[in-house]
Amino acid sequence: MVFRRRRSGDPMGEQRAREVEELARSRRIIVDAYEVERRRIERDLHDGTQQYLVAAAMKLGEVQLAPAIQDDPMLRELLAEARASLAAGLESLRETVRGIHPTILTERGLAAALDDVAASSGAQVRIVAPNPLPELPEGVLAASYFFATEAIANAIKHAPGASVTVLLAADDDLRVSVVDTGPGGARIVPGHGLSGLRERLAAFGGRLTISSPDGGPTQVAATIPLLLFRGESGVAL
């Protein structure tokens, strides 16, 4: 009787696992590159543009104190208006810098950051996370945050007075579902808001789905891969 040695393992399964891991690795590189660029822009605005505007505001303040200006009411008023406009521009820039990557997002996580958005929205927005979310890669964290904030803003704009619920859940993917009780009828139109959201998610290997029958409700949902390697879990323990 001839005995044949049984091959151990599953070569095809091992190859597929390696391919999946390589795909996850390459997408992590893309995601990290987005975050590096986002942080560079934030740093340049904060350390460069903002500082120039602060210096300009200080110089305007010094000019306003000059005797020649004090003796010219029209010029004094023009300088006051210019300084007020500069102050408004500086505050707008600061808001932009804070919005590029909110500190609370890194310090306290996605649910807390979106709670902050909900509280300041002036609308009926509720954030629901039935289970603790795992630690998310920085790029996934940012992508999910900006998806949710834009989807919330769209709901408030197109369904004023409607209640909005954001549901967060994770396993191998992070799922962010934004539901509003508005009249429905939302569609993906090339070149418009939802189309842009879909394209940005696709860059991370994510996808967008929408359900919006006439009469509502409207659900806009994002599924974003956590880009896990073998042995990593998307479930918080």
Protein backbone atom coordinates (compact mmCIF):
# COMPACT_ATOMS: atom_id res chain seq x y z
CA MET A 1 0.00 0.00 0.00
CA VAL A 2 1.34 3.40 -0.94
CA PHE A 3 0.73 6.24 1.47
CA ARG A 4 0.63 9.77 0.09
CA ARG A 5 1.69 12.64 2.33
CA ARG A 6 -1.20 15.03 2.82
CA ARG A 7 -0.27 18.60 2.06
CA SER A 8 -0.59 20.80 5.08
CA GLY A 9 -2.16 24.19 5.06
CA ASP A 10 -4.14 25.91 2.35
CA PRO A 11 -1.80 27.52 -0.23
CA MET A 12 -4.65 29.32 -2.01
CA GLY A 13 -6.04 30.57 1.28
CA GLU A 14 -2.62 31.77 2.35
CA GLN A 15 -2.15 33.58 -0.95
CA ARG A 16 -5.54 35.27 -0.66
CA ALA A 17 -4.70 36.33 2.90
CA ARG A 18 -1.42 37.83 1.70
CA GLU A 19 -3.21 39.70 -1.09
CA VAL A 20 -5.80 41.07 1.34
CA GLU A 21 -3.04 42.19 3.72
CA GLU A 22 -1.12 43.84 0.90
CA LEU A 23 -4.28 45.66 -0.21
CA ALA A 24 -4.88 46.82 3.37
CA ARG A 25 -1.26 47.97 3.61
CA SER A 26 -1.42 49.96 0.35
CA ARG A 27 -4.69 51.59 1.37
CA ARG A 28 -3.24 52.49 4.75
CA ILE A 29 -0.43 54.26 2.93
CA ILE A 30 -2.97 56.24 0.89
CA VAL A 31 -5.01 57.09 3.98
CA ASP A 32 -1.88 58.15 5.90
CA ALA A 33 -0.80 60.32 2.97
CA TYR A 34 -4.14 62.14 3.08
CA GLU A 35 -3.66 62.79 6.79
CA VAL A 36 -0.06 63.99 6.37
CA GLU A 37 -1.23 66.49 3.75
CA ARG A 38 -4.20 67.58 5.88
CA ARG A 39 -1.90 68.22 8.85
CA ARG A 40 0.58 70.10 6.64
CA ILE A 41 -2.18 72.44 5.46
CA GLU A 42 -3.35 72.92 9.05
CA ARG A 43 0.19 73.74 10.19
CA ASP A 44 0.83 76.13 7.30
CA LEU A 45 -2.39 78.02 7.93
CA HIS A 46 -1.77 78.23 11.67
CA ASP A 47 1.94 79.09 11.60
CA GLY A 48 1.99 81.09 8.38
CA THR A 49 -1.17 82.78 7.12
CA GLN A 50 -2.68 83.27 10.58
CA GLN A 51 0.46 84.89 11.95
CA TYR A 52 0.65 87.35 9.03
CA LEU A 53 -2.96 88.38 9.65
CA VAL A 54 -2.31 88.84 13.38
CA ALA A 55 0.71 91.05 12.60
CA ALA A 56 -1.34 93.10 10.13
CA ALA A 57 -4.09 93.62 12.73
CA MET A 58 -1.51 94.83 15.26
CA LYS A 59 -0.03 97.31 12.79
CA LEU A 60 -3.49 98.65 11.98
CA GLY A 61 -4.08 99.13 15.68
CA GLU A 62 -0.85 101.12 15.97
CA VAL A 63 -1.78 103.28 12.97
CA GLN A 64 -5.17 104.06 14.51
CA LEU A 65 -3.40 105.65 17.48
CA ALA A 66 -1.38 108.06 15.32
CA PRO A 67 -2.29 111.78 15.92
CA ALA A 68 -2.89 112.37 12.20
CA ILE A 69 -5.50 109.61 12.17
CA GLN A 70 -7.19 110.91 15.32
CA ASP A 71 -7.64 114.28 13.61
CA ASP A 72 -9.27 112.76 10.49
CA PRO A 73 -12.69 111.21 11.31
CA MET A 74 -13.19 109.72 7.83
CA LEU A 75 -9.78 108.03 7.78
CA ARG A 76 -10.28 106.85 11.36
CA GLU A 77 -13.58 105.22 10.39
CA LEU A 78 -12.08 103.54 7.32
CA LEU A 79 -9.25 102.09 9.40
CA ALA A 80 -11.72 100.84 12.01
CA GLU A 81 -13.74 99.10 9.30
CA ALA A 82 -10.56 97.59 7.81
CA ARG A 83 -9.49 96.30 11.21
CA ALA A 84 -12.96 94.82 11.84
CA SER A 85 -12.88 93.06 8.45
CA LEU A 86 -9.41 91.73 9.19
CA ALA A 87 -10.57 90.44 12.58
CA ALA A 88 -13.53 88.69 10.93
CA GLY A 89 -11.21 87.11 8.36
CA LEU A 90 -8.84 85.96 11.10
CA GLU A 91 -11.68 84.33 13.05
CA SER A 92 -12.90 82.62 9.87
CA LEU A 93 -9.38 81.29 9.27
CA ARG A 94 -9.20 80.01 12.85
CA GLU A 95 -12.50 78.19 12.35
CA THR A 96 -11.10 76.65 9.17
CA VAL A 97 -7.94 75.53 10.97
CA ARG A 98 -9.98 74.00 13.79
CA GLY A 99 -12.21 72.24 11.25
CA ILE A 100 -9.34 70.63 9.32
CA HIS A 101 -8.75 68.17 12.16
CA PRO A 102 -10.65 68.97 15.36
CA THR A 103 -8.63 68.33 18.52
CA ILE A 104 -11.55 66.56 20.17
CA LEU A 105 -11.52 63.97 17.36
CA THR A 106 -8.03 62.81 18.31
CA GLU A 107 -8.42 63.23 22.06
CA ARG A 108 -11.87 61.72 22.65
CA GLY A 109 -12.82 59.83 19.49
CA LEU A 110 -15.46 59.88 16.78
CA ALA A 111 -18.63 59.68 18.90
CA ALA A 112 -17.55 62.54 21.20
CA ALA A 113 -16.50 64.72 18.25
CA LEU A 114 -19.87 64.19 16.56
CA ASP A 115 -21.69 64.89 19.84
CA ASP A 116 -19.92 68.26 19.76
CA VAL A 117 -21.11 68.84 16.18
CA ALA A 118 -24.67 67.87 17.15
CA ALA A 119 -24.68 70.24 20.13
CA SER A 120 -23.60 73.19 17.99
CA SER A 121 -25.81 72.40 14.98
CA GLY A 122 -28.94 74.12 16.27
CA ALA A 123 -30.98 71.15 15.04
CA GLN A 124 -32.35 67.89 16.44
CA VAL A 125 -29.27 65.72 15.92
CA ARG A 126 -28.66 62.57 17.96
CA ILE A 127 -25.47 60.46 17.92
CA VAL A 128 -25.93 56.77 18.73
CA ALA A 129 -23.05 54.31 19.29
CA PRO A 130 -24.59 51.13 20.79
CA ASN A 131 -21.14 49.59 21.39
CA PRO A 132 -17.73 51.17 22.04
CA LEU A 133 -15.84 51.79 18.82
CA PRO A 134 -12.34 50.31 18.41
CA GLU A 135 -9.28 52.48 18.05
CA LEU A 136 -9.54 53.75 14.49
CA PRO A 137 -6.66 54.50 12.10
CA GLU A 138 -6.26 58.27 11.92
CA GLY A 139 -7.26 58.47 8.26
CA VAL A 140 -10.40 56.37 8.82
CA LEU A 141 -11.25 58.54 11.81
CA ALA A 142 -10.99 61.73 9.73
CA ALA A 143 -12.86 60.27 6.72
CA SER A 144 -15.77 59.10 8.89
CA TYR A 145 -15.92 62.41 10.77
CA PHE A 146 -16.05 64.56 7.66
CA PHE A 147 -18.56 62.22 6.00
CA ALA A 148 -20.85 62.47 9.02
CA THR A 149 -20.54 66.25 9.40
CA GLU A 150 -21.30 66.84 5.72
CA ALA A 151 -24.21 64.40 5.76
CA ILE A 152 -25.61 66.15 8.86
CA ALA A 153 -25.22 69.55 7.18
CA ASN A 154 -27.00 68.25 4.05
CA ALA A 155 -29.88 66.90 6.14
CA ILE A 156 -30.28 70.18 8.01
CA LYS A 157 -30.16 72.15 4.76
CA HIS A 158 -32.58 70.03 2.72
CA ALA A 159 -34.88 68.86 5.53
CA PRO A 160 -35.12 71.81 7.95
CA GLY A 161 -36.93 70.92 11.13
CA ALA A 162 -36.41 67.18 10.66
CA SER A 163 -34.72 65.10 13.33
CA VAL A 164 -31.37 63.53 12.41
CA THR A 165 -29.89 60.36 13.88
CA VAL A 166 -26.30 59.24 13.33
CA LEU A 167 -25.60 55.56 14.05
CA LEU A 168 -22.00 54.36 14.50
CA ALA A 169 -20.97 50.70 14.46
CA ALA A 170 -17.88 48.68 13.61
CA ASP A 171 -16.70 45.15 12.84
CA ASP A 172 -14.31 44.71 9.90
CA ASP A 173 -15.71 47.99 8.60
CA LEU A 174 -16.81 51.22 10.21
CA ARG A 175 -20.42 52.02 9.40
CA VAL A 176 -21.78 55.53 9.72
CA SER A 177 -25.50 55.90 9.00
CA VAL A 178 -27.16 59.34 8.92
CA VAL A 179 -30.97 59.23 8.89
CA ASP A 180 -33.32 62.21 8.74
CA THR A 181 -37.11 62.31 8.98
CA GLY A 182 -37.46 64.79 6.11
CA PRO A 183 -39.57 64.41 2.95
CA GLY A 184 -37.12 62.14 1.11
CA GLY A 185 -36.39 62.30 -2.59
CA ALA A 186 -32.60 62.70 -2.20
CA ARG A 187 -30.58 61.52 -5.20
CA ILE A 188 -26.94 61.27 -6.15
CA VAL A 189 -26.34 63.87 -8.88
CA PRO A 190 -22.91 64.00 -10.55
CA GLY A 191 -20.90 67.00 -9.39
CA HIS A 192 -23.07 67.66 -6.34
CA GLY A 193 -22.76 66.97 -2.59
CA LEU A 194 -23.56 63.26 -2.34
CA SER A 195 -21.53 62.50 -5.44
CA GLY A 196 -18.50 64.18 -3.87
CA LEU A 197 -19.00 62.20 -0.66
CA ARG A 198 -19.09 58.96 -2.63
CA GLU A 199 -15.89 59.80 -4.50
CA ARG A 200 -13.99 60.70 -1.31
CA LEU A 201 -15.07 57.46 0.36
CA ALA A 202 -14.01 55.46 -2.69
CA ALA A 203 -10.45 56.77 -2.26
CA PHE A 204 -10.35 54.87 1.06
CA GLY A 205 -11.97 51.75 -0.36
CA GLY A 206 -15.27 52.81 1.18
CA ARG A 207 -18.72 53.02 -0.31
CA LEU A 208 -21.83 55.13 0.05
CA THR A 209 -25.42 53.93 -0.07
CA ILE A 210 -28.58 55.99 -0.04
CA SER A 211 -32.24 55.22 0.60
CA SER A 212 -34.62 58.13 0.22
CA PRO A 213 -38.15 57.25 -0.87
CA ASP A 214 -40.64 60.05 -1.45
CA GLY A 215 -42.10 60.92 1.91
CA GLY A 216 -38.90 59.92 3.70
CA PRO A 217 -37.02 59.02 5.70
CA THR A 218 -33.62 59.50 4.07
CA GLN A 219 -30.67 57.33 5.02
CA VAL A 220 -27.17 58.13 3.79
CA ALA A 221 -24.67 55.51 4.95
CA ALA A 222 -20.93 55.08 4.63
CA THR A 223 -19.05 51.80 4.94
CA ILE A 224 -15.33 52.38 5.48
CA PRO A 225 -12.85 49.48 5.75
CA LEU A 226 -10.83 49.55 8.96
CA LEU A 227 -7.87 48.25 6.92
CA LEU A 228 -7.20 45.52 9.46
CA PHE A 229 -4.28 43.12 9.22
CA ARG A 230 -4.71 39.46 10.05
CA GLY A 231 -5.29 38.99 13.76
CA GLU A 232 -6.53 42.55 14.33
CA SER A 233 -10.10 43.05 15.49
CA GLY A 234 -12.62 45.76 14.67
CA VAL A 235 -14.54 45.03 17.85
CA ALA A 236 -13.62 47.03 20.94
CA LEU A 237 -12.94 44.78 23.93
